[in-house]
N, C-alpha and C. Protein backbone atom coordinates (compact mmCIF):
# COMPACT_ATOMS: atom_id res chain seq x y z
N MET A 1 -17.90 -30.46 -25.05
CA MET A 1 -18.55 -30.37 -23.77
C MET A 1 -17.54 -29.99 -22.69
N ALA A 2 -16.34 -30.57 -22.76
CA ALA A 2 -15.32 -30.21 -21.79
C ALA A 2 -14.96 -28.73 -21.92
N GLU A 3 -15.00 -28.24 -23.16
CA GLU A 3 -14.68 -26.84 -23.38
C GLU A 3 -15.71 -25.93 -22.72
N THR A 4 -17.01 -26.27 -22.83
CA THR A 4 -18.06 -25.48 -22.21
C THR A 4 -17.90 -25.47 -20.70
N GLY A 5 -17.66 -26.66 -20.13
CA GLY A 5 -17.49 -26.74 -18.68
C GLY A 5 -16.28 -25.93 -18.23
N GLY A 6 -15.22 -25.97 -19.04
CA GLY A 6 -14.02 -25.21 -18.70
C GLY A 6 -14.27 -23.72 -18.69
N SER A 7 -14.99 -23.24 -19.70
CA SER A 7 -15.22 -21.80 -19.75
C SER A 7 -16.21 -21.37 -18.67
N GLY A 8 -17.16 -22.23 -18.36
CA GLY A 8 -18.10 -21.90 -17.29
C GLY A 8 -17.41 -21.83 -15.95
N SER A 9 -16.44 -22.70 -15.72
CA SER A 9 -15.76 -22.68 -14.43
C SER A 9 -14.72 -21.58 -14.35
N SER A 10 -14.24 -21.09 -15.50
CA SER A 10 -13.23 -20.03 -15.45
C SER A 10 -13.86 -18.64 -15.27
N ALA A 11 -15.14 -18.49 -15.61
CA ALA A 11 -15.78 -17.18 -15.49
C ALA A 11 -15.76 -16.67 -14.05
N PRO A 12 -16.15 -17.45 -13.04
CA PRO A 12 -16.07 -16.93 -11.67
C PRO A 12 -14.63 -16.60 -11.27
N ARG A 13 -13.66 -17.42 -11.73
CA ARG A 13 -12.27 -17.15 -11.40
C ARG A 13 -11.84 -15.82 -12.01
N LYS A 14 -12.27 -15.56 -13.24
CA LYS A 14 -11.93 -14.29 -13.87
C LYS A 14 -12.51 -13.13 -13.08
N ARG A 15 -13.73 -13.29 -12.61
CA ARG A 15 -14.33 -12.21 -11.81
C ARG A 15 -13.53 -12.02 -10.53
N ALA A 16 -13.12 -13.09 -9.89
CA ALA A 16 -12.31 -12.99 -8.67
C ALA A 16 -10.96 -12.36 -9.01
N ASP A 17 -10.36 -12.76 -10.14
CA ASP A 17 -9.09 -12.17 -10.57
C ASP A 17 -9.27 -10.68 -10.85
N ALA A 18 -10.35 -10.33 -11.50
CA ALA A 18 -10.61 -8.92 -11.81
C ALA A 18 -10.76 -8.11 -10.53
N ARG A 19 -11.45 -8.69 -9.54
CA ARG A 19 -11.61 -7.99 -8.26
C ARG A 19 -10.26 -7.83 -7.57
N ARG A 20 -9.44 -8.86 -7.60
CA ARG A 20 -8.10 -8.78 -6.99
C ARG A 20 -7.25 -7.74 -7.71
N ASN A 21 -7.31 -7.74 -9.04
CA ASN A 21 -6.55 -6.76 -9.82
C ASN A 21 -6.99 -5.33 -9.50
N GLU A 22 -8.29 -5.14 -9.42
CA GLU A 22 -8.79 -3.81 -9.11
C GLU A 22 -8.36 -3.39 -7.70
N LYS A 23 -8.42 -4.31 -6.74
CA LYS A 23 -7.97 -4.00 -5.38
C LYS A 23 -6.49 -3.63 -5.38
N THR A 24 -5.68 -4.36 -6.14
CA THR A 24 -4.25 -4.05 -6.24
C THR A 24 -4.05 -2.65 -6.80
N LEU A 25 -4.81 -2.30 -7.85
CA LEU A 25 -4.72 -0.96 -8.43
C LEU A 25 -5.14 0.11 -7.42
N LEU A 26 -6.22 -0.14 -6.70
CA LEU A 26 -6.71 0.85 -5.74
C LEU A 26 -5.75 1.02 -4.57
N ASP A 27 -5.17 -0.09 -4.10
CA ASP A 27 -4.18 0.00 -3.02
C ASP A 27 -2.95 0.77 -3.49
N ALA A 28 -2.52 0.51 -4.72
CA ALA A 28 -1.36 1.21 -5.27
C ALA A 28 -1.66 2.70 -5.43
N ALA A 29 -2.85 3.02 -5.91
CA ALA A 29 -3.23 4.43 -6.07
C ALA A 29 -3.32 5.11 -4.71
N ALA A 30 -3.90 4.43 -3.72
CA ALA A 30 -3.99 5.01 -2.38
C ALA A 30 -2.60 5.29 -1.82
N ALA A 31 -1.67 4.35 -2.00
CA ALA A 31 -0.29 4.54 -1.52
C ALA A 31 0.37 5.72 -2.25
N ALA A 32 0.13 5.81 -3.55
CA ALA A 32 0.69 6.93 -4.31
C ALA A 32 0.09 8.26 -3.86
N PHE A 33 -1.20 8.27 -3.56
CA PHE A 33 -1.85 9.49 -3.09
C PHE A 33 -1.27 9.91 -1.75
N VAL A 34 -0.98 8.94 -0.87
CA VAL A 34 -0.40 9.26 0.43
C VAL A 34 0.98 9.89 0.26
N SER A 35 1.79 9.32 -0.61
CA SER A 35 3.16 9.82 -0.75
C SER A 35 3.26 11.06 -1.63
N SER A 36 2.38 11.18 -2.64
CA SER A 36 2.54 12.26 -3.61
C SER A 36 1.29 13.11 -3.83
N GLY A 37 0.20 12.80 -3.16
CA GLY A 37 -1.04 13.53 -3.37
C GLY A 37 -1.83 12.94 -4.52
N VAL A 38 -3.05 13.45 -4.73
CA VAL A 38 -3.94 12.89 -5.75
C VAL A 38 -3.49 13.18 -7.17
N ASP A 39 -2.49 14.04 -7.31
CA ASP A 39 -1.95 14.32 -8.64
C ASP A 39 -0.77 13.43 -8.99
N ALA A 40 -0.57 12.36 -8.21
CA ALA A 40 0.54 11.42 -8.48
C ALA A 40 0.44 10.94 -9.92
N PRO A 41 1.58 10.88 -10.63
CA PRO A 41 1.54 10.42 -12.02
C PRO A 41 0.99 9.00 -12.14
N VAL A 42 0.17 8.80 -13.16
CA VAL A 42 -0.43 7.49 -13.39
C VAL A 42 0.65 6.43 -13.60
N ARG A 43 1.76 6.80 -14.22
CA ARG A 43 2.84 5.82 -14.42
C ARG A 43 3.40 5.33 -13.09
N ASP A 44 3.44 6.22 -12.06
CA ASP A 44 3.90 5.80 -10.73
C ASP A 44 2.92 4.82 -10.10
N ILE A 45 1.65 5.07 -10.26
CA ILE A 45 0.61 4.18 -9.73
C ILE A 45 0.71 2.83 -10.44
N ALA A 46 0.86 2.86 -11.76
CA ALA A 46 0.98 1.61 -12.54
C ALA A 46 2.19 0.82 -12.08
N ALA A 47 3.30 1.50 -11.85
CA ALA A 47 4.52 0.80 -11.40
C ALA A 47 4.30 0.16 -10.04
N ARG A 48 3.65 0.87 -9.14
CA ARG A 48 3.36 0.32 -7.80
C ARG A 48 2.48 -0.93 -7.91
N ALA A 49 1.54 -0.89 -8.85
CA ALA A 49 0.60 -2.00 -9.00
C ALA A 49 1.17 -3.13 -9.85
N GLY A 50 2.29 -2.86 -10.53
CA GLY A 50 2.88 -3.87 -11.40
C GLY A 50 2.09 -4.11 -12.68
N VAL A 51 1.48 -3.03 -13.18
CA VAL A 51 0.68 -3.12 -14.42
C VAL A 51 1.10 -2.00 -15.35
N GLY A 52 0.61 -2.06 -16.56
CA GLY A 52 0.85 -0.98 -17.52
C GLY A 52 -0.13 0.16 -17.30
N VAL A 53 0.24 1.33 -17.77
CA VAL A 53 -0.60 2.52 -17.66
C VAL A 53 -1.96 2.28 -18.31
N GLY A 54 -1.96 1.57 -19.44
CA GLY A 54 -3.22 1.28 -20.15
C GLY A 54 -4.20 0.51 -19.28
N THR A 55 -3.70 -0.37 -18.42
CA THR A 55 -4.57 -1.13 -17.54
C THR A 55 -5.32 -0.20 -16.59
N ILE A 56 -4.63 0.79 -16.09
CA ILE A 56 -5.29 1.75 -15.19
C ILE A 56 -6.37 2.50 -15.94
N TYR A 57 -6.05 2.98 -17.14
CA TYR A 57 -7.04 3.72 -17.91
C TYR A 57 -8.22 2.86 -18.35
N ARG A 58 -7.99 1.56 -18.53
CA ARG A 58 -9.09 0.65 -18.86
C ARG A 58 -10.07 0.56 -17.69
N HIS A 59 -9.54 0.50 -16.48
CA HIS A 59 -10.39 0.42 -15.28
C HIS A 59 -10.96 1.78 -14.88
N PHE A 60 -10.13 2.83 -15.03
CA PHE A 60 -10.50 4.17 -14.56
C PHE A 60 -10.14 5.18 -15.65
N PRO A 61 -11.09 5.49 -16.54
CA PRO A 61 -10.81 6.33 -17.70
C PRO A 61 -10.31 7.74 -17.35
N THR A 62 -10.70 8.29 -16.20
CA THR A 62 -10.24 9.62 -15.81
C THR A 62 -9.63 9.58 -14.41
N ARG A 63 -8.85 10.60 -14.09
CA ARG A 63 -8.28 10.70 -12.74
C ARG A 63 -9.41 10.79 -11.72
N ALA A 64 -10.47 11.51 -12.04
CA ALA A 64 -11.60 11.63 -11.12
C ALA A 64 -12.19 10.25 -10.82
N ASP A 65 -12.31 9.40 -11.84
CA ASP A 65 -12.82 8.04 -11.63
C ASP A 65 -11.92 7.27 -10.67
N LEU A 66 -10.62 7.44 -10.82
CA LEU A 66 -9.66 6.76 -9.95
C LEU A 66 -9.76 7.28 -8.51
N ILE A 67 -9.84 8.58 -8.35
CA ILE A 67 -9.95 9.18 -7.02
C ILE A 67 -11.22 8.70 -6.33
N VAL A 68 -12.33 8.70 -7.04
CA VAL A 68 -13.60 8.22 -6.46
C VAL A 68 -13.47 6.76 -6.05
N ALA A 69 -12.88 5.94 -6.90
CA ALA A 69 -12.75 4.51 -6.59
C ALA A 69 -11.85 4.28 -5.38
N VAL A 70 -10.76 5.03 -5.28
CA VAL A 70 -9.86 4.90 -4.12
C VAL A 70 -10.60 5.30 -2.85
N TYR A 71 -11.30 6.42 -2.91
CA TYR A 71 -12.06 6.91 -1.76
C TYR A 71 -13.09 5.86 -1.32
N GLN A 72 -13.85 5.33 -2.27
CA GLN A 72 -14.86 4.33 -1.94
C GLN A 72 -14.22 3.06 -1.39
N HIS A 73 -13.10 2.66 -1.95
CA HIS A 73 -12.37 1.48 -1.50
C HIS A 73 -11.94 1.65 -0.04
N GLN A 74 -11.43 2.83 0.29
CA GLN A 74 -11.00 3.09 1.66
C GLN A 74 -12.18 3.18 2.62
N VAL A 75 -13.27 3.78 2.18
CA VAL A 75 -14.47 3.84 3.01
C VAL A 75 -14.99 2.42 3.27
N GLU A 76 -15.01 1.59 2.23
CA GLU A 76 -15.47 0.20 2.40
C GLU A 76 -14.59 -0.57 3.37
N ALA A 77 -13.28 -0.39 3.27
CA ALA A 77 -12.37 -1.09 4.19
C ALA A 77 -12.64 -0.66 5.62
N CYS A 78 -12.87 0.61 5.83
CA CYS A 78 -13.17 1.12 7.18
C CYS A 78 -14.52 0.58 7.66
N ALA A 79 -15.51 0.56 6.79
CA ALA A 79 -16.84 0.06 7.15
C ALA A 79 -16.79 -1.43 7.50
N GLU A 80 -16.07 -2.20 6.70
CA GLU A 80 -15.99 -3.65 6.94
C GLU A 80 -15.20 -3.98 8.21
N ALA A 81 -14.31 -3.09 8.60
CA ALA A 81 -13.49 -3.35 9.79
C ALA A 81 -14.30 -3.28 11.08
N GLY A 82 -15.35 -2.47 11.11
CA GLY A 82 -16.13 -2.28 12.34
C GLY A 82 -16.65 -3.58 12.93
N PRO A 83 -17.47 -4.34 12.21
CA PRO A 83 -17.99 -5.59 12.76
C PRO A 83 -16.89 -6.60 13.09
N ALA A 84 -15.84 -6.62 12.28
CA ALA A 84 -14.73 -7.55 12.54
C ALA A 84 -14.03 -7.19 13.84
N LEU A 85 -13.79 -5.91 14.07
CA LEU A 85 -13.16 -5.48 15.32
C LEU A 85 -14.06 -5.76 16.52
N LEU A 86 -15.35 -5.57 16.35
CA LEU A 86 -16.29 -5.85 17.43
C LEU A 86 -16.25 -7.32 17.82
N ALA A 87 -16.14 -8.19 16.83
CA ALA A 87 -16.08 -9.63 17.08
C ALA A 87 -14.74 -10.05 17.69
N ASP A 88 -13.65 -9.37 17.33
CA ASP A 88 -12.31 -9.80 17.74
C ASP A 88 -11.73 -9.08 18.95
N SER A 89 -12.34 -7.99 19.40
CA SER A 89 -11.77 -7.21 20.50
C SER A 89 -12.27 -7.72 21.85
N LYS A 90 -11.48 -7.43 22.88
CA LYS A 90 -11.84 -7.87 24.23
C LYS A 90 -13.13 -7.21 24.72
N THR A 91 -13.29 -5.94 24.38
CA THR A 91 -14.47 -5.20 24.81
C THR A 91 -14.99 -4.35 23.65
N PRO A 92 -16.26 -3.95 23.71
CA PRO A 92 -16.77 -3.05 22.68
C PRO A 92 -16.03 -1.71 22.66
N HIS A 93 -15.63 -1.20 23.83
CA HIS A 93 -14.90 0.07 23.85
C HIS A 93 -13.56 -0.09 23.14
N ALA A 94 -12.89 -1.22 23.34
CA ALA A 94 -11.62 -1.47 22.64
C ALA A 94 -11.84 -1.52 21.14
N ALA A 95 -12.94 -2.15 20.71
CA ALA A 95 -13.27 -2.21 19.28
C ALA A 95 -13.52 -0.80 18.75
N LEU A 96 -14.26 -0.01 19.50
CA LEU A 96 -14.55 1.37 19.10
C LEU A 96 -13.25 2.16 18.96
N ALA A 97 -12.37 2.04 19.94
CA ALA A 97 -11.10 2.78 19.91
C ALA A 97 -10.25 2.35 18.71
N ARG A 98 -10.19 1.07 18.43
CA ARG A 98 -9.41 0.58 17.28
C ARG A 98 -10.03 1.06 15.98
N TRP A 99 -11.35 1.05 15.90
CA TRP A 99 -12.02 1.48 14.68
C TRP A 99 -11.82 2.99 14.45
N ILE A 100 -11.93 3.76 15.51
CA ILE A 100 -11.71 5.20 15.38
C ILE A 100 -10.28 5.46 14.93
N ASN A 101 -9.34 4.63 15.40
CA ASN A 101 -7.95 4.76 14.96
C ASN A 101 -7.85 4.54 13.44
N LEU A 102 -8.56 3.55 12.91
CA LEU A 102 -8.59 3.33 11.46
C LEU A 102 -9.21 4.53 10.74
N PHE A 103 -10.25 5.07 11.34
CA PHE A 103 -10.92 6.24 10.77
C PHE A 103 -9.96 7.42 10.72
N VAL A 104 -9.17 7.60 11.77
CA VAL A 104 -8.17 8.67 11.80
C VAL A 104 -7.15 8.44 10.68
N ASP A 105 -6.69 7.20 10.54
CA ASP A 105 -5.76 6.88 9.44
C ASP A 105 -6.36 7.30 8.11
N PHE A 106 -7.62 6.96 7.91
CA PHE A 106 -8.31 7.32 6.67
C PHE A 106 -8.31 8.84 6.48
N LEU A 107 -8.62 9.58 7.55
CA LEU A 107 -8.71 11.04 7.43
C LEU A 107 -7.37 11.72 7.19
N VAL A 108 -6.34 11.28 7.90
CA VAL A 108 -5.07 12.01 7.83
C VAL A 108 -4.19 11.58 6.66
N THR A 109 -4.56 10.51 5.97
CA THR A 109 -3.72 10.07 4.85
C THR A 109 -4.36 10.34 3.49
N LYS A 110 -5.34 11.22 3.43
CA LYS A 110 -6.04 11.48 2.17
C LYS A 110 -5.38 12.58 1.34
N HIS A 111 -4.13 12.87 1.56
CA HIS A 111 -3.39 13.95 0.91
C HIS A 111 -4.02 14.45 -0.40
N GLY A 112 -4.60 15.61 -0.33
CA GLY A 112 -5.15 16.24 -1.53
C GLY A 112 -6.56 15.80 -1.86
N LEU A 113 -7.07 14.78 -1.21
CA LEU A 113 -8.40 14.28 -1.55
C LEU A 113 -9.47 15.31 -1.19
N ALA A 114 -9.34 15.95 -0.05
CA ALA A 114 -10.34 16.94 0.35
C ALA A 114 -10.45 18.05 -0.69
N GLU A 115 -9.31 18.51 -1.17
CA GLU A 115 -9.33 19.56 -2.19
C GLU A 115 -9.97 19.06 -3.48
N ALA A 116 -9.64 17.84 -3.86
CA ALA A 116 -10.23 17.27 -5.07
C ALA A 116 -11.74 17.15 -4.93
N LEU A 117 -12.18 16.74 -3.74
CA LEU A 117 -13.62 16.57 -3.52
C LEU A 117 -14.37 17.89 -3.59
N GLN A 118 -13.69 18.99 -3.31
CA GLN A 118 -14.33 20.30 -3.34
C GLN A 118 -14.02 21.06 -4.63
N SER A 119 -13.53 20.36 -5.63
CA SER A 119 -13.10 21.00 -6.88
C SER A 119 -14.25 21.41 -7.79
N GLY A 120 -15.44 20.97 -7.49
CA GLY A 120 -16.56 21.27 -8.36
C GLY A 120 -16.80 20.21 -9.42
N ASP A 121 -15.93 19.22 -9.50
CA ASP A 121 -16.09 18.13 -10.46
C ASP A 121 -17.34 17.33 -10.06
N PRO A 122 -18.32 17.20 -10.96
CA PRO A 122 -19.56 16.49 -10.61
C PRO A 122 -19.34 15.03 -10.24
N THR A 123 -18.22 14.45 -10.63
CA THR A 123 -17.93 13.06 -10.29
C THR A 123 -17.87 12.87 -8.78
N PHE A 124 -17.50 13.92 -8.04
CA PHE A 124 -17.30 13.81 -6.60
C PHE A 124 -18.53 14.13 -5.76
N GLU A 125 -19.61 14.60 -6.39
CA GLU A 125 -20.76 15.11 -5.64
C GLU A 125 -21.37 14.12 -4.65
N ALA A 126 -21.47 12.87 -4.99
CA ALA A 126 -22.15 11.90 -4.13
C ALA A 126 -21.26 11.28 -3.07
N LEU A 127 -19.97 11.61 -3.05
CA LEU A 127 -19.05 10.93 -2.14
C LEU A 127 -19.30 11.21 -0.67
N HIS A 128 -19.66 12.44 -0.33
CA HIS A 128 -19.90 12.75 1.08
C HIS A 128 -21.08 11.94 1.62
N SER A 129 -22.14 11.84 0.84
CA SER A 129 -23.29 11.03 1.26
C SER A 129 -22.91 9.56 1.36
N TYR A 130 -22.11 9.09 0.43
CA TYR A 130 -21.64 7.71 0.46
C TYR A 130 -20.86 7.45 1.74
N PHE A 131 -19.96 8.36 2.06
CA PHE A 131 -19.15 8.29 3.26
C PHE A 131 -20.05 8.17 4.50
N LEU A 132 -21.02 9.05 4.62
CA LEU A 132 -21.92 9.03 5.78
C LEU A 132 -22.79 7.78 5.80
N ASP A 133 -23.33 7.41 4.63
CA ASP A 133 -24.20 6.23 4.56
C ASP A 133 -23.48 4.95 4.98
N ARG A 134 -22.19 4.84 4.70
CA ARG A 134 -21.44 3.63 5.04
C ARG A 134 -20.85 3.66 6.44
N LEU A 135 -20.36 4.82 6.90
CA LEU A 135 -19.63 4.85 8.16
C LEU A 135 -20.47 5.19 9.39
N VAL A 136 -21.50 6.00 9.25
CA VAL A 136 -22.33 6.32 10.42
C VAL A 136 -22.98 5.06 11.00
N PRO A 137 -23.55 4.15 10.19
CA PRO A 137 -24.13 2.94 10.78
C PRO A 137 -23.11 2.05 11.50
N VAL A 138 -21.90 1.98 10.98
CA VAL A 138 -20.86 1.16 11.62
C VAL A 138 -20.48 1.78 12.96
N CYS A 139 -20.29 3.09 12.97
CA CYS A 139 -19.97 3.77 14.22
C CYS A 139 -21.11 3.63 15.22
N THR A 140 -22.34 3.71 14.74
CA THR A 140 -23.51 3.53 15.61
C THR A 140 -23.50 2.15 16.24
N GLN A 141 -23.20 1.13 15.45
CA GLN A 141 -23.14 -0.24 15.96
C GLN A 141 -22.09 -0.36 17.08
N LEU A 142 -20.93 0.23 16.87
CA LEU A 142 -19.86 0.18 17.87
C LEU A 142 -20.24 0.97 19.13
N LEU A 143 -20.82 2.15 18.96
CA LEU A 143 -21.25 2.95 20.11
C LEU A 143 -22.34 2.23 20.89
N ASP A 144 -23.31 1.66 20.18
CA ASP A 144 -24.41 0.95 20.86
C ASP A 144 -23.88 -0.24 21.67
N ALA A 145 -22.93 -0.98 21.10
CA ALA A 145 -22.36 -2.14 21.80
C ALA A 145 -21.61 -1.68 23.05
N ALA A 146 -20.84 -0.61 22.95
CA ALA A 146 -20.09 -0.10 24.10
C ALA A 146 -21.03 0.46 25.17
N ALA A 147 -22.10 1.12 24.74
CA ALA A 147 -23.08 1.66 25.69
C ALA A 147 -23.83 0.52 26.37
N ALA A 148 -24.22 -0.50 25.59
CA ALA A 148 -24.95 -1.65 26.16
C ALA A 148 -24.08 -2.40 27.18
N ALA A 149 -22.76 -2.38 26.97
CA ALA A 149 -21.84 -3.04 27.91
C ALA A 149 -21.56 -2.15 29.12
N GLY A 150 -22.13 -0.95 29.13
CA GLY A 150 -21.92 -0.03 30.24
C GLY A 150 -20.55 0.63 30.24
N GLU A 151 -19.87 0.59 29.10
CA GLU A 151 -18.50 1.13 29.03
C GLU A 151 -18.45 2.62 28.71
N ILE A 152 -19.45 3.12 27.99
CA ILE A 152 -19.45 4.53 27.61
C ILE A 152 -20.81 5.15 27.91
N ARG A 153 -20.82 6.45 27.86
CA ARG A 153 -22.08 7.18 28.01
C ARG A 153 -23.03 6.76 26.90
N PRO A 154 -24.31 6.63 27.20
CA PRO A 154 -25.25 6.16 26.17
C PRO A 154 -25.76 7.26 25.24
N ASP A 155 -25.36 8.49 25.44
CA ASP A 155 -25.95 9.60 24.68
C ASP A 155 -25.08 10.11 23.54
N MET A 156 -24.10 9.34 23.11
CA MET A 156 -23.22 9.77 22.02
C MET A 156 -23.80 9.36 20.68
N GLU A 157 -23.90 10.31 19.78
CA GLU A 157 -24.39 10.05 18.43
C GLU A 157 -23.21 9.80 17.49
N ALA A 158 -23.34 8.85 16.59
CA ALA A 158 -22.25 8.48 15.69
C ALA A 158 -21.83 9.66 14.80
N TYR A 159 -22.79 10.35 14.23
CA TYR A 159 -22.44 11.47 13.36
C TYR A 159 -21.64 12.52 14.12
N GLU A 160 -22.09 12.81 15.34
CA GLU A 160 -21.43 13.80 16.18
C GLU A 160 -19.98 13.37 16.49
N LEU A 161 -19.79 12.10 16.80
CA LEU A 161 -18.45 11.60 17.10
C LEU A 161 -17.55 11.67 15.87
N LEU A 162 -18.06 11.20 14.72
CA LEU A 162 -17.25 11.23 13.49
C LEU A 162 -16.90 12.66 13.10
N ARG A 163 -17.84 13.55 13.26
CA ARG A 163 -17.59 14.98 12.96
C ARG A 163 -16.53 15.54 13.89
N GLY A 164 -16.63 15.21 15.19
CA GLY A 164 -15.64 15.68 16.16
C GLY A 164 -14.25 15.14 15.85
N VAL A 165 -14.16 13.85 15.53
CA VAL A 165 -12.88 13.25 15.17
C VAL A 165 -12.34 13.94 13.92
N GLY A 166 -13.19 14.15 12.94
CA GLY A 166 -12.77 14.83 11.72
C GLY A 166 -12.22 16.22 12.00
N ASN A 167 -12.89 16.95 12.87
CA ASN A 167 -12.43 18.29 13.21
C ASN A 167 -11.08 18.25 13.93
N LEU A 168 -10.86 17.24 14.77
CA LEU A 168 -9.57 17.11 15.45
C LEU A 168 -8.45 16.77 14.47
N CYS A 169 -8.80 16.18 13.33
CA CYS A 169 -7.79 15.76 12.35
C CYS A 169 -7.46 16.83 11.32
N ILE A 170 -8.22 17.90 11.28
CA ILE A 170 -7.98 18.96 10.29
C ILE A 170 -6.59 19.54 10.52
N GLY A 171 -5.82 19.60 9.47
CA GLY A 171 -4.48 20.18 9.55
C GLY A 171 -3.47 19.34 10.30
N ALA A 172 -3.76 18.07 10.50
CA ALA A 172 -2.87 17.21 11.28
C ALA A 172 -1.45 17.16 10.73
N GLY A 173 -1.31 17.20 9.43
CA GLY A 173 0.02 17.11 8.84
C GLY A 173 0.73 18.45 8.71
N ASN A 174 0.02 19.54 8.99
CA ASN A 174 0.59 20.86 8.78
C ASN A 174 1.32 21.44 9.99
N THR A 175 1.06 20.89 11.17
CA THR A 175 1.62 21.44 12.39
C THR A 175 2.33 20.35 13.17
N PRO A 176 3.66 20.36 13.19
CA PRO A 176 4.41 19.29 13.86
C PRO A 176 4.12 19.19 15.37
N ARG A 177 3.73 20.30 15.99
CA ARG A 177 3.48 20.28 17.43
C ARG A 177 2.09 19.78 17.78
N TYR A 178 1.26 19.50 16.77
CA TYR A 178 -0.10 19.04 17.01
C TYR A 178 -0.21 17.57 16.68
N ASP A 179 -0.65 16.77 17.64
CA ASP A 179 -0.80 15.33 17.45
C ASP A 179 -2.29 14.98 17.45
N ALA A 180 -2.85 14.91 16.26
CA ALA A 180 -4.28 14.64 16.13
C ALA A 180 -4.65 13.30 16.76
N ARG A 181 -3.80 12.29 16.57
CA ARG A 181 -4.11 10.97 17.10
C ARG A 181 -4.21 11.01 18.64
N ARG A 182 -3.32 11.75 19.28
CA ARG A 182 -3.38 11.88 20.74
C ARG A 182 -4.67 12.56 21.18
N MET A 183 -5.08 13.60 20.46
CA MET A 183 -6.32 14.31 20.79
C MET A 183 -7.53 13.39 20.62
N VAL A 184 -7.51 12.59 19.58
CA VAL A 184 -8.63 11.66 19.36
C VAL A 184 -8.65 10.58 20.45
N GLU A 185 -7.47 10.10 20.85
CA GLU A 185 -7.41 9.13 21.95
C GLU A 185 -8.01 9.70 23.22
N LEU A 186 -7.74 10.99 23.50
CA LEU A 186 -8.32 11.63 24.68
C LEU A 186 -9.84 11.72 24.54
N LEU A 187 -10.32 12.01 23.36
CA LEU A 187 -11.77 12.06 23.12
C LEU A 187 -12.40 10.69 23.38
N ILE A 188 -11.83 9.64 22.85
CA ILE A 188 -12.39 8.28 23.02
C ILE A 188 -12.31 7.86 24.49
N ALA A 189 -11.21 8.18 25.15
CA ALA A 189 -11.09 7.88 26.58
C ALA A 189 -12.16 8.63 27.38
N GLY A 190 -12.47 9.86 26.95
CA GLY A 190 -13.47 10.66 27.62
C GLY A 190 -14.89 10.14 27.50
N LEU A 191 -15.14 9.24 26.56
CA LEU A 191 -16.48 8.65 26.43
C LEU A 191 -16.78 7.64 27.55
N ARG A 192 -15.72 7.13 28.18
CA ARG A 192 -15.89 6.09 29.21
C ARG A 192 -16.74 6.58 30.37
N ARG A 193 -17.50 5.68 30.90
CA ARG A 193 -18.27 5.96 32.11
C ARG A 193 -17.35 5.84 33.31
N HIS A 194 -17.47 6.74 34.24
CA HIS A 194 -16.60 6.68 35.42
C HIS A 194 -17.36 6.25 36.64
């Protein structure tokens, strides 16, 4: 009986451990993608995560599976940050500005991800919709809160803002004289009501 109780109580811990392990792998892969692009060797990702190469392949049988998981992990982190920033910031506009900053980080550190997403691999087809489904509602929540507080113009659409920020971030790493983050800050400042 003690054995049954022991195994029953260890199952949730294993699930929590598995989630932590997967997060560690995804964080390591994301870091490797930032430094070396999406073609970073799996052995480098395994070393960053402190696991064997086989562990990565057990979780993510193909590179495409790993890329999709990293992308979704980063989208989820950005989505979850919105409500937390809204609760912790002095004003809704401050929360919006901080969240957009995270969104910019997401966009400019995806080294090679955009090319992979447009490679024609069917594994990537649903990612754009996933991205929009998760991030547009969060941005809408932040915009609505800032508009309700009278801090920004009430006519800004979340999709339009995210698209504009994305366009400002295109080629950010290719031109040393262009500071995408500064341009985005000017855009967010421009939303303020005067």
